[in-house]
Amino acid sequence: MTHDHDLELRPTPAQTEAALNPPPGRNGGDLVVETLHGLGATTVFGLPGQHALGMFDALRRSSMDYVGLRVENNAGFAADAYGRITGEATPLLLSTGPGALTSLAALQEAAAGSAPVLAISSQVPSAGLGGGRHGYLHELRDQQASFREVVKSVHTARTASQIPSAVSAAWESALTAPHGPVWVEIPQDVLLAETTLPVVTAMDATPRELPPRPELTAVAADLLSRASRPAIVAGGGVVRADASGKLRALAERIDAPVVTTYGGKGAFPWEHPLSLQSWMEDRHTTDFLEDADVLLVVGSGLGELSSNYHTFAPRGRIVQIEADLGKLESNHAALGIHADARLALSALLETVDRREDAGAADRVRALLSQVRTRIEAQDLTLEQGILSSVRAALPPTSPSFWDMTILAYWAWSAFDARHPNTMHSAQGAGGLGYGFPAALGAACADRTKPVLAVSGDGGAMYSIAELATAKQYELPVTWLIVDDGGYGILREYMTDAFGEATATELSRPDFVALAESFGVPAVRTTPQSLTDDLSKALSTPGPSVVVLPAVLRMFAPTHL
């Protein structure tokens, strides 16, 4: 008896002919590239090195676009952003040892931000594996050990025939909720060895779904239906699951106020009557959430920033929906539902009863008024004005990528992202240098709209080499550099803690002249002319730099 799936597996005559007569001149690198193409990859990021040349040579026989950055860490940030914007697994090709290790900070950010980066690295020749000290170039005793505690999964291929399966398994892992970076490594000799294996065609690496258990959503729906003061915390998991519409429908069904975490920016409309916006570091918001008798937390682990530095002490019941099993109840006892945010919210919408609370919008307005009063008492009009100018200049659907800088810390709380998946920062791992290379990656994903990068002068120096990348590929990225002459936020932290700052003041270049030396147009602006200068830069094709000399201050913390 012949089953339908048997017919699907039976090759056509043309496929048989192609398999029996593969084109000459292919190597292990071709198997990597063919597998990526068969899985659906269209763009590859990376930086070549001696051991990885087999993969890079194979790219010229592929239709995939290659985007080469100048530093491996920056290539990782670019792949991270491409993955966030598209939701696709994004290949990152690296070489052994120093090249691979240089990507670690970017992979840590991808892990913290659940970005599906598929890192593929070469290894020393097979004869050098096993931990011995053979003296090979770039040799590490155990390269993958450096990545195992950072990435979601590690995969190895030691022969040519293992390559398609290893890459396919990594692809599936990267895209199974929660998304995250994965690591594949292949020895140099395997990448260079000629192969007579058939050309890799279509691959199936469909990520597994993560539905909620129905008995748990039934209990959650009952709690929310009977709650008198429900509230919702919407995290990055809502954005990654494309669940913003479901979130809004549920909030309106039960009249529950919604606050978005910094990773969840844009998950809920900023001006909605139930929107608490994103003032997670404000004690008034913390008090409001503590007062909820049922708090629904979707796609957030209630970590340091989302709990106002772990001062949040809930008095009611928590329902936590989280795709990352390790985050369930990691900070607070809850009814934990291990599930993709979209699937879980869909299930709740099917079972939760409608409840009406005419006072919910009034409580939201009162809270936001308290927040405004606190901020207005601190004489921070410069900072608020600059953030408003950025919002006015940036087209509503254009993505923005923010480095770890004072203006970004303001944006976490006070910036209206307008749309889901349009505001990203390095707040997951907190490393410097993310903003500009990440914006380049996003521009590669969609060249039809301008992308904004925001850095301080200290963070800008981490990625200044990528001005060459921006120019080489004519990417539509405008880089706003807020130049305060040092590590501004560290200056504030040290002054507050010790009375004076040490090691925070920086000598820096003339950023305008430096950008122009790369052929990238640049302008020095002022707070008064920022909206016009930034709007002009964003509307001009290709890369540009806008430099704003300004010393900004943070609003006072409320957790101390």
Protein backbone atom coordinates (compact mmCIF):
# COMPACT_ATOMS: atom_id res chain seq x y z
CA MET A 1 0.00 0.00 0.00
CA THR A 2 1.37 3.42 -0.99
CA HIS A 3 0.74 6.37 1.32
CA ASP A 4 0.56 10.01 0.22
CA HIS A 5 3.70 10.90 2.15
CA ASP A 6 5.56 8.15 0.28
CA LEU A 7 4.69 9.88 -2.98
CA GLU A 8 5.91 13.19 -1.57
CA LEU A 9 9.28 11.65 -0.74
CA ARG A 10 9.70 10.05 -4.15
CA PRO A 11 11.97 12.26 -6.33
CA THR A 12 10.89 13.33 -9.79
CA PRO A 13 12.98 12.22 -12.78
CA ALA A 14 14.48 15.71 -12.98
CA GLN A 15 15.41 15.63 -9.30
CA THR A 16 16.97 12.21 -9.72
CA GLU A 17 19.03 13.42 -12.67
CA ALA A 18 20.23 16.49 -10.76
CA ALA A 19 21.11 14.39 -7.71
CA LEU A 20 23.14 11.93 -9.77
CA ASN A 21 25.02 14.69 -11.55
CA PRO A 22 25.82 17.48 -9.07
CA PRO A 23 27.77 20.44 -10.46
CA PRO A 24 31.56 20.24 -10.06
CA GLY A 25 33.66 22.51 -7.88
CA ARG A 26 31.48 22.38 -4.77
CA ASN A 27 32.75 21.99 -1.22
CA GLY A 28 31.45 21.83 2.34
CA GLY A 29 30.85 25.56 2.28
CA ASP A 30 28.41 25.05 -0.58
CA LEU A 31 26.42 22.65 1.59
CA VAL A 32 26.15 25.35 4.25
CA VAL A 33 25.00 27.99 1.78
CA GLU A 34 22.65 25.65 -0.09
CA THR A 35 21.04 24.59 3.18
CA LEU A 36 20.50 28.18 4.26
CA HIS A 37 18.95 29.00 0.89
CA GLY A 38 16.75 25.92 1.07
CA LEU A 39 15.52 26.98 4.50
CA GLY A 40 14.49 30.35 3.12
CA ALA A 41 17.39 32.65 4.01
CA THR A 42 17.83 35.59 1.65
CA THR A 43 20.44 37.71 3.47
CA VAL A 44 23.64 36.70 5.24
CA PHE A 45 25.77 38.83 7.58
CA GLY A 46 29.34 38.17 8.55
CA LEU A 47 33.05 38.80 8.24
CA PRO A 48 35.46 36.39 6.51
CA GLY A 49 38.45 34.71 8.10
CA GLN A 50 40.98 32.14 6.92
CA HIS A 51 39.23 29.07 8.33
CA ALA A 52 35.80 30.16 7.05
CA LEU A 53 36.77 30.89 3.44
CA GLY A 54 34.99 27.78 2.19
CA MET A 55 31.65 29.30 3.24
CA PHE A 56 32.43 32.71 1.82
CA ASP A 57 33.60 31.28 -1.49
CA ALA A 58 30.29 29.41 -1.77
CA LEU A 59 28.37 32.69 -1.44
CA ARG A 60 29.41 33.70 -4.95
CA ARG A 61 27.52 30.65 -6.26
CA SER A 62 24.40 31.68 -4.33
CA SER A 63 21.60 34.17 -4.91
CA MET A 64 21.61 35.23 -1.27
CA ASP A 65 22.68 38.78 -0.44
CA TYR A 66 25.82 39.11 1.65
CA VAL A 67 26.32 42.10 3.96
CA GLY A 68 29.83 42.34 5.36
CA LEU A 69 30.54 44.46 8.41
CA ARG A 70 33.92 45.55 9.76
CA VAL A 71 33.76 43.98 13.23
CA GLU A 72 32.22 40.60 14.13
CA ASN A 73 30.36 42.03 17.11
CA ASN A 74 28.73 44.62 14.88
CA ALA A 75 27.84 41.93 12.34
CA GLY A 76 26.11 40.12 15.19
CA PHE A 77 24.14 43.23 16.12
CA ALA A 78 23.11 43.68 12.48
CA ALA A 79 21.93 40.07 12.27
CA ASP A 80 20.07 40.53 15.57
CA ALA A 81 18.12 43.51 14.22
CA TYR A 82 17.38 41.81 10.90
CA GLY A 83 15.94 38.89 12.83
CA ARG A 84 13.85 41.16 15.07
CA ILE A 85 12.40 43.08 12.14
CA THR A 86 11.67 40.10 9.88
CA GLY A 87 11.06 37.35 12.43
CA GLU A 88 13.35 35.16 10.31
CA ALA A 89 16.40 33.20 11.37
CA THR A 90 19.34 35.34 10.27
CA PRO A 91 22.65 33.72 9.26
CA LEU A 92 25.86 35.14 10.74
CA LEU A 93 29.05 33.68 9.23
CA LEU A 94 32.17 33.82 11.39
CA SER A 95 35.70 32.51 11.51
CA THR A 96 37.44 30.52 14.25
CA GLY A 97 38.81 31.83 17.54
CA PRO A 98 39.17 35.63 17.71
CA GLY A 99 36.51 36.22 15.07
CA ALA A 100 34.03 33.94 16.80
CA LEU A 101 34.78 35.28 20.28
CA THR A 102 34.38 38.87 19.14
CA SER A 103 30.71 38.14 18.43
CA LEU A 104 29.92 37.04 22.00
CA ALA A 105 28.51 40.35 23.26
CA ALA A 106 26.17 40.56 20.28
CA LEU A 107 25.00 36.99 20.82
CA GLN A 108 24.37 37.79 24.49
CA GLU A 109 22.11 40.66 23.41
CA ALA A 110 20.36 38.38 20.91
CA ALA A 111 19.77 35.87 23.70
CA ALA A 112 18.44 38.50 26.09
CA GLY A 113 16.24 40.02 23.36
CA SER A 114 15.16 36.67 21.84
CA ALA A 115 16.53 37.47 18.39
CA PRO A 116 16.83 34.45 16.05
CA VAL A 117 20.49 34.71 14.99
CA LEU A 118 21.96 31.61 13.30
CA ALA A 119 25.70 31.90 13.90
CA ILE A 120 27.84 29.52 11.84
CA SER A 121 31.54 29.43 12.63
CA SER A 122 34.48 27.54 11.28
CA GLN A 123 36.74 25.47 13.53
CA VAL A 124 40.35 24.41 13.42
CA PRO A 125 40.98 21.40 11.13
CA SER A 126 39.50 18.12 12.38
CA ALA A 127 42.93 16.84 13.39
CA GLY A 128 43.18 19.65 15.94
CA LEU A 129 39.90 18.96 17.73
CA GLY A 130 39.69 17.29 21.09
CA GLY A 131 41.29 19.78 23.44
CA GLY A 132 44.94 19.13 22.61
CA ARG A 133 47.44 21.95 22.12
CA HIS A 134 48.38 21.38 18.47
CA GLY A 135 49.30 24.96 17.71
CA TYR A 136 46.77 25.59 14.96
CA LEU A 137 45.94 29.18 14.06
CA HIS A 138 43.00 30.48 16.15
CA GLU A 139 43.02 27.31 18.27
CA LEU A 140 40.86 27.11 21.40
CA ARG A 141 40.70 24.09 23.68
CA ASP A 142 36.89 24.02 23.40
CA GLN A 143 35.49 26.79 21.24
CA GLN A 144 31.84 25.86 21.61
CA ALA A 145 32.17 25.95 25.42
CA SER A 146 32.59 29.73 25.13
CA PHE A 147 29.15 29.94 23.53
CA ARG A 148 27.17 27.17 25.22
CA GLU A 149 25.97 29.31 28.14
CA VAL A 150 25.16 32.26 25.87
CA VAL A 151 23.23 30.79 22.95
CA LYS A 152 20.07 28.73 22.92
CA SER A 153 21.62 25.59 21.41
CA VAL A 154 24.94 24.37 19.99
CA HIS A 155 25.24 22.18 16.89
CA THR A 156 28.32 20.62 15.31
CA ALA A 157 29.06 19.06 11.93
CA ARG A 158 32.18 16.94 11.62
CA THR A 159 31.55 15.57 8.12
CA ALA A 160 30.02 16.99 4.96
CA SER A 161 26.90 14.84 5.21
CA GLN A 162 26.20 16.21 8.70
CA ILE A 163 26.10 19.84 7.56
CA PRO A 164 22.52 20.10 6.21
CA SER A 165 21.02 18.39 9.27
CA ALA A 166 23.07 20.44 11.75
CA VAL A 167 22.17 23.74 10.10
CA SER A 168 18.52 22.70 9.77
CA ALA A 169 18.31 21.72 13.45
CA ALA A 170 19.85 25.04 14.45
CA TRP A 171 17.37 26.93 12.25
CA GLU A 172 14.44 25.16 13.92
CA SER A 173 15.84 25.88 17.37
CA ALA A 174 16.33 29.59 16.62
CA LEU A 175 12.71 30.00 15.51
CA THR A 176 10.99 27.85 18.12
CA ALA A 177 9.55 30.07 20.85
CA PRO A 178 11.28 31.65 22.58
CA HIS A 179 13.39 32.80 19.64
CA GLY A 180 17.09 33.03 20.28
CA PRO A 181 20.63 32.77 18.88
CA VAL A 182 22.09 29.38 18.04
CA TRP A 183 25.61 28.20 17.28
CA VAL A 184 26.90 25.87 14.56
CA GLU A 185 30.57 25.05 14.05
CA ILE A 186 32.29 23.15 11.26
CA PRO A 187 36.02 22.39 10.90
CA GLN A 188 38.00 24.19 8.22
CA ASP A 189 38.90 21.02 6.33
CA VAL A 190 35.24 19.95 6.14
CA LEU A 191 34.30 23.33 4.70
CA LEU A 192 37.07 23.16 2.10
CA ALA A 193 36.80 19.51 1.09
CA GLU A 194 35.27 18.86 -2.31
CA THR A 195 31.89 17.17 -2.14
CA THR A 196 29.95 15.03 -4.57
CA LEU A 197 26.80 15.12 -2.44
CA PRO A 198 23.70 16.31 -4.32
CA VAL A 199 22.80 19.98 -4.19
CA VAL A 200 20.72 20.70 -1.08
CA THR A 201 17.24 21.80 -2.14
CA ALA A 202 14.19 22.54 -0.01
CA MET A 203 14.67 21.82 3.72
CA ASP A 204 11.97 21.42 6.34
CA ALA A 205 12.80 23.00 9.68
CA THR A 206 9.35 24.15 10.78
CA PRO A 207 9.60 25.52 14.33
CA ARG A 208 7.48 23.81 16.94
CA GLU A 209 4.44 25.67 18.23
CA LEU A 210 4.09 26.37 21.93
CA PRO A 211 0.36 26.34 22.76
CA PRO A 212 -0.94 26.88 26.29
CA ARG A 213 -2.39 24.06 28.35
CA PRO A 214 -6.19 24.55 28.27
CA GLU A 215 -6.68 23.84 31.98
CA LEU A 216 -4.31 26.73 32.78
CA THR A 217 -5.98 29.24 30.46
CA ALA A 218 -9.35 28.21 31.94
CA VAL A 219 -8.14 29.15 35.42
CA ALA A 220 -6.56 32.37 34.11
CA ALA A 221 -9.77 33.37 32.31
CA ASP A 222 -11.79 32.78 35.47
CA LEU A 223 -9.41 34.92 37.54
CA LEU A 224 -9.52 37.78 35.03
CA SER A 225 -13.30 37.57 34.63
CA ARG A 226 -13.84 37.89 38.40
CA ALA A 227 -11.11 40.47 39.06
CA SER A 228 -12.10 43.86 40.42
CA ARG A 229 -8.82 45.66 39.55
CA PRO A 230 -7.06 43.71 36.76
CA ALA A 231 -3.96 45.12 35.06
CA ILE A 232 -1.64 43.87 32.32
CA VAL A 233 2.12 44.04 31.86
CA ALA A 234 3.00 43.54 28.17
CA GLY A 235 6.59 42.54 27.46
CA GLY A 236 8.71 41.84 24.43
CA GLY A 237 7.10 38.43 23.99
CA VAL A 238 3.94 40.20 22.78
CA VAL A 239 5.89 42.01 20.06
CA ARG A 240 7.84 38.92 18.97
CA ALA A 241 4.65 36.86 18.75
CA ASP A 242 2.88 39.56 16.73
CA ALA A 243 0.19 39.52 19.39
CA SER A 244 -0.50 43.25 19.82
CA GLY A 245 -3.98 42.98 18.31
CA LYS A 246 -4.87 40.12 20.65
CA LEU A 247 -3.52 42.08 23.62
CA ARG A 248 -5.64 45.12 22.80
CA ALA A 249 -8.75 42.99 22.31
CA LEU A 250 -8.27 41.33 25.69
CA ALA A 251 -7.56 44.60 27.51
CA GLU A 252 -10.71 46.14 26.07
CA ARG A 253 -12.74 42.99 26.85
CA ILE A 254 -11.92 43.21 30.57
CA ASP A 255 -11.20 46.96 30.90
CA ALA A 256 -7.67 46.30 32.13
CA PRO A 257 -5.01 49.04 32.10
CA VAL A 258 -1.83 48.04 30.22
CA VAL A 259 1.79 49.02 30.81
CA THR A 260 4.43 48.00 28.30
CA THR A 261 7.94 47.04 29.34
CA TYR A 262 10.94 48.52 27.54
CA GLY A 263 11.17 45.40 25.39
CA GLY A 264 7.43 45.61 24.69
CA LYS A 265 7.40 49.17 23.36
CA GLY A 266 4.60 49.62 20.82
CA ALA A 267 2.71 46.51 21.95
CA PHE A 268 -0.22 48.69 23.09
CA PRO A 269 -1.32 52.06 21.68
CA TRP A 270 0.36 54.88 23.62
CA GLU A 271 -2.68 57.16 23.70
CA HIS A 272 -5.27 54.45 24.35
CA PRO A 273 -7.53 55.26 27.36
CA LEU A 274 -6.23 52.11 29.08
CA SER A 275 -2.55 52.79 28.34
CA LEU A 276 -0.24 53.29 31.31
CA GLN A 277 2.50 53.83 28.71
CA SER A 278 5.96 52.62 29.77
CA TRP A 279 6.84 54.31 33.04
CA MET A 280 8.19 51.12 34.61
CA GLU A 281 10.80 52.98 36.69
CA ASP A 282 8.22 55.23 38.33
CA ARG A 283 7.00 54.43 41.82
CA HIS A 284 3.46 55.54 40.93
CA THR A 285 3.34 52.84 38.25
CA THR A 286 4.81 50.29 40.65
CA ASP A 287 2.13 51.16 43.23
CA PHE A 288 -0.60 50.84 40.59
CA LEU A 289 0.58 47.36 39.59
CA GLU A 290 0.96 46.27 43.21
CA ASP A 291 -2.67 47.26 43.81
CA ALA A 292 -4.01 45.03 41.03
CA ASP A 293 -5.91 42.05 42.43
CA VAL A 294 -5.08 40.09 39.26
CA LEU A 295 -2.00 41.04 37.23
CA LEU A 296 -1.61 39.43 33.82
CA VAL A 297 2.05 39.43 32.74
CA VAL A 298 2.49 38.54 29.06
CA GLY A 299 5.91 37.93 27.53
CA SER A 300 7.95 39.33 30.42
CA GLY A 301 9.98 37.80 33.22
CA LEU A 302 9.47 40.87 35.46
CA GLY A 303 13.20 41.34 35.59
CA GLU A 304 15.23 44.21 37.03
CA LEU A 305 13.94 47.03 34.83
CA SER A 306 10.37 45.75 34.58
CA SER A 307 10.08 45.48 38.36
CA ASN A 308 11.52 48.92 39.16
CA TYR A 309 14.77 47.30 40.24
CA HIS A 310 13.04 44.48 42.11
CA THR A 311 11.09 46.83 44.38
CA PHE A 312 7.78 45.59 42.94
CA ALA A 313 5.91 43.62 45.64
CA PRO A 314 2.55 42.43 44.29
CA ARG A 315 -0.35 41.95 46.68
CA GLY A 316 -2.69 40.25 44.21
CA ARG A 317 -2.59 37.15 42.06
CA ILE A 318 -0.20 37.02 39.09
CA VAL A 319 -0.89 35.16 35.85
CA GLN A 320 2.30 34.90 33.82
CA ILE A 321 2.38 33.89 30.15
CA GLU A 322 5.96 33.26 29.04
CA ALA A 323 7.59 31.26 26.24
CA ASP A 324 10.92 31.07 28.07
CA LEU A 325 10.47 28.30 30.62
CA GLY A 326 13.29 29.60 32.79
CA LYS A 327 11.47 32.89 33.33
CA LEU A 328 8.23 31.35 34.62
CA GLU A 329 7.89 32.35 38.30
CA SER A 330 11.59 33.23 38.34
CA ASN A 331 10.87 36.43 40.28
CA HIS A 332 7.32 36.11 41.61
CA ALA A 333 4.93 33.27 42.38
CA ALA A 334 2.30 33.05 39.66
CA LEU A 335 -0.07 30.89 37.71
CA GLY A 336 2.62 30.16 35.12
CA ILE A 337 1.54 29.40 31.57
CA HIS A 338 4.39 28.19 29.37
CA ALA A 339 3.20 29.33 25.95
CA ASP A 340 3.63 31.62 22.99
CA ALA A 341 1.97 34.95 23.76
CA ARG A 342 -0.25 35.00 20.68
CA LEU A 343 -1.59 31.48 21.22
CA ALA A 344 -2.22 32.09 24.92
CA LEU A 345 -3.98 35.43 24.37
CA SER A 346 -6.13 33.82 21.68
CA ALA A 347 -7.15 31.12 24.13
CA LEU A 348 -8.02 33.69 26.81
CA LEU A 349 -10.13 35.69 24.34
CA GLU A 350 -12.17 32.56 23.66
CA THR A 351 -13.00 31.98 27.32
CA VAL A 352 -12.78 35.19 29.36
CA ASP A 353 -16.00 36.96 30.29
CA ARG A 354 -16.54 40.58 29.42
CA ARG A 355 -16.25 42.91 32.37
CA GLU A 356 -16.82 46.64 32.47
CA ASP A 357 -15.05 49.12 34.70
CA ALA A 358 -15.99 52.71 34.01
CA GLY A 359 -13.31 53.87 36.44
CA ALA A 360 -10.35 52.16 34.76
CA ALA A 361 -9.63 54.98 32.31
CA ASP A 362 -9.93 57.52 35.14
CA ARG A 363 -7.33 55.65 37.20
CA VAL A 364 -5.02 55.59 34.18
CA ARG A 365 -5.36 59.35 33.67
CA ALA A 366 -4.70 59.96 37.36
CA LEU A 367 -1.55 57.84 37.27
CA LEU A 368 -0.15 59.55 34.19
CA SER A 369 -0.88 62.93 35.77
CA GLN A 370 1.15 61.89 38.83
CA VAL A 371 4.03 60.83 36.61
CA ARG A 372 3.96 64.13 34.69
CA THR A 373 3.91 66.12 37.92
CA ARG A 374 6.96 64.25 39.21
CA ILE A 375 8.92 64.80 35.98
CA GLU A 376 7.92 68.46 35.64
CA ALA A 377 9.25 69.18 39.13
CA GLN A 378 12.79 68.24 38.04
CA ASP A 379 13.51 70.94 35.41
CA LEU A 380 14.10 68.48 32.56
CA THR A 381 12.65 70.46 29.67
CA LEU A 382 15.81 70.03 27.54
CA GLU A 383 15.61 66.24 27.67
CA GLN A 384 11.85 66.15 27.05
CA GLY A 385 12.19 68.60 24.17
CA ILE A 386 14.92 66.58 22.46
CA LEU A 387 12.88 63.38 22.74
CA SER A 388 9.84 65.18 21.31
CA SER A 389 11.97 66.45 18.42
CA VAL A 390 13.12 62.93 17.61
CA ARG A 391 9.54 61.69 17.64
CA ALA A 392 8.41 64.55 15.39
CA ALA A 393 11.17 63.88 12.86
CA LEU A 394 10.91 60.08 12.71
CA PRO A 395 8.23 58.72 10.32
CA PRO A 396 5.61 56.73 12.25
CA THR A 397 6.47 53.33 10.77
CA SER A 398 10.25 53.77 10.69
CA PRO A 399 12.19 51.60 13.14
CA SER A 400 14.63 53.07 15.63
CA PHE A 401 17.57 51.43 17.39
CA TRP A 402 18.95 52.89 20.59
CA ASP A 403 22.35 52.42 22.18
CA MET A 404 22.86 52.49 25.95
CA THR A 405 22.79 56.25 26.37
CA ILE A 406 20.83 58.76 28.47
CA LEU A 407 18.45 59.66 25.64
CA ALA A 408 17.65 55.96 25.21
CA TYR A 409 16.92 55.62 28.93
CA TRP A 410 14.47 58.48 28.53
CA ALA A 411 12.98 56.81 25.47
CA TRP A 412 12.37 53.57 27.36
CA SER A 413 9.89 55.40 29.56
CA ALA A 414 8.74 58.40 27.54
CA PHE A 415 8.94 57.62 23.79
CA ASP A 416 5.82 56.70 21.84
CA ALA A 417 6.94 53.91 19.50
CA ARG A 418 3.66 54.33 17.50
CA HIS A 419 3.76 50.76 16.15
CA PRO A 420 4.87 47.34 17.40
CA ASN A 421 8.37 46.16 16.51
CA THR A 422 9.63 49.64 15.65
CA MET A 423 11.71 50.48 18.73
CA HIS A 424 14.62 48.33 19.85
CA SER A 425 17.52 48.87 22.21
CA ALA A 426 20.32 46.96 23.89
CA GLN A 427 18.44 46.90 27.20
CA GLY A 428 18.52 43.09 27.28
CA ALA A 429 22.26 42.63 27.87
CA GLY A 430 23.12 46.31 28.21
CA GLY A 431 26.28 46.47 26.09
CA LEU A 432 27.51 49.52 24.23
CA GLY A 433 27.69 49.81 20.46
CA TYR A 434 24.33 48.27 19.50
CA GLY A 435 22.44 51.17 17.95
CA PHE A 436 24.19 51.89 14.64
CA PRO A 437 25.06 48.36 13.42
CA ALA A 438 21.59 47.16 14.46
CA ALA A 439 20.03 49.95 12.40
CA LEU A 440 22.12 48.82 9.42
CA GLY A 441 20.73 45.31 9.79
CA ALA A 442 17.17 46.64 9.93
CA ALA A 443 17.79 48.71 6.80
CA CYS A 444 18.89 45.56 4.99
CA ALA A 445 15.54 44.01 5.91
CA ASP A 446 13.54 46.89 4.42
CA ARG A 447 15.20 49.57 2.32
CA THR A 448 11.90 51.37 1.61
CA LYS A 449 11.87 53.35 4.86
CA PRO A 450 14.55 55.26 6.76
CA VAL A 451 15.96 53.81 9.98
CA LEU A 452 17.14 55.83 12.97
CA ALA A 453 20.11 54.94 15.19
CA VAL A 454 20.74 56.81 18.45
CA SER A 455 24.06 56.70 20.34
CA GLY A 456 26.07 58.71 22.77
CA ASP A 457 29.61 59.69 21.82
CA GLY A 458 31.06 56.89 23.95
CA GLY A 459 28.87 54.20 22.39
CA ALA A 460 29.41 55.64 18.91
CA MET A 461 33.11 54.86 19.08
CA TYR A 462 32.31 51.14 19.35
CA SER A 463 30.80 51.11 15.87
CA ILE A 464 32.38 54.01 14.02
CA ALA A 465 33.97 51.60 11.51
CA GLU A 466 30.52 50.70 10.26
CA LEU A 467 30.20 54.09 8.57
CA ALA A 468 32.16 52.32 5.83
CA THR A 469 29.52 49.58 5.73
CA ALA A 470 26.69 52.11 5.60
CA LYS A 471 28.34 53.88 2.69
CA GLN A 472 29.34 50.71 0.83
CA TYR A 473 25.76 49.44 0.77
CA GLU A 474 24.12 52.90 0.70
CA LEU A 475 21.85 51.94 3.57
CA PRO A 476 19.10 54.41 4.57
CA VAL A 477 20.23 54.91 8.17
CA THR A 478 20.45 58.23 9.98
CA TRP A 479 22.72 58.13 13.02
CA LEU A 480 21.97 60.63 15.78
CA ILE A 481 25.01 61.01 18.04
CA VAL A 482 24.40 62.88 21.30
CA ASP A 483 27.84 64.17 22.19
CA ASP A 484 28.28 64.95 25.89
CA GLY A 485 32.03 64.33 26.07
CA GLY A 486 31.97 61.05 27.95
CA TYR A 487 29.99 58.17 29.34
CA GLY A 488 27.13 60.36 30.47
CA ILE A 489 25.05 57.90 32.45
CA LEU A 490 28.12 56.54 34.25
CA ARG A 491 29.10 60.12 35.04
CA GLU A 492 25.72 60.54 36.74
CA TYR A 493 25.89 57.22 38.58
CA MET A 494 29.39 57.89 39.93
CA THR A 495 28.64 61.48 40.92
CA ASP A 496 25.53 60.38 42.80
CA ALA A 497 27.30 57.45 44.48
CA PHE A 498 30.79 58.85 45.16
CA GLY A 499 30.53 62.62 44.82
CA GLU A 500 32.62 62.75 41.64
CA ALA A 501 33.13 60.75 38.46
CA THR A 502 36.27 58.86 37.45
CA ALA A 503 37.19 57.40 34.02
CA THR A 504 34.07 58.81 32.37
CA GLU A 505 35.48 61.76 30.41
CA LEU A 506 36.47 61.08 26.81
CA SER A 507 38.51 62.64 24.07
CA ARG A 508 36.56 62.14 20.86
CA PRO A 509 36.81 63.03 17.19
CA ASP A 510 34.99 65.64 15.19
CA PHE A 511 32.13 63.30 14.31
CA VAL A 512 30.95 65.48 11.43
CA ALA A 513 34.38 65.53 9.76
CA LEU A 514 34.87 61.83 10.50
CA ALA A 515 31.56 60.87 8.87
CA GLU A 516 32.31 63.04 5.85
CA SER A 517 35.69 61.30 5.46
CA PHE A 518 33.70 58.09 4.82
CA GLY A 519 31.59 59.92 2.24
CA VAL A 520 28.61 60.07 4.62
CA PRO A 521 26.92 63.49 4.85
CA ALA A 522 26.81 64.91 8.37
CA VAL A 523 25.56 67.98 10.21
CA ARG A 524 26.04 69.47 13.66
CA THR A 525 22.70 70.49 15.16
CA THR A 526 21.20 72.15 18.24
CA PRO A 527 18.17 71.28 20.36
CA GLN A 528 16.29 74.07 18.59
CA SER A 529 17.09 72.87 15.06
CA LEU A 530 17.06 69.12 15.77
CA THR A 531 13.61 68.40 14.33
CA ASP A 532 14.41 70.08 11.01
CA ASP A 533 17.93 68.66 10.70
CA LEU A 534 16.85 65.15 11.62
CA SER A 535 13.83 65.26 9.32
CA LYS A 536 16.03 66.36 6.41
CA ALA A 537 18.57 63.61 7.09
CA LEU A 538 15.90 60.92 7.36
CA SER A 539 14.28 62.01 4.10
CA THR A 540 17.56 61.97 2.16
CA PRO A 541 18.48 58.63 0.53
CA GLY A 542 21.49 56.78 1.89
CA PRO A 543 23.31 57.09 5.23
CA SER A 544 23.71 60.29 7.22
CA VAL A 545 24.93 61.50 10.60
CA VAL A 546 23.44 64.18 12.86
CA VAL A 547 25.60 65.27 15.81
CA LEU A 548 23.92 66.94 18.80
CA PRO A 549 26.32 68.42 21.39
CA ALA A 550 24.30 68.28 24.61
CA VAL A 551 24.70 67.21 28.24
CA LEU A 552 21.52 65.45 29.30
CA ARG A 553 20.31 64.40 32.74
CA MET A 554 18.17 61.49 33.83
CA PHE A 555 15.00 61.91 35.83
CA ALA A 556 15.39 60.96 39.48
CA PRO A 557 15.02 57.26 40.30
CA THR A 558 12.20 56.13 42.57
CA HIS A 559 13.54 52.75 43.68
CA LEU A 560 16.24 53.96 46.08
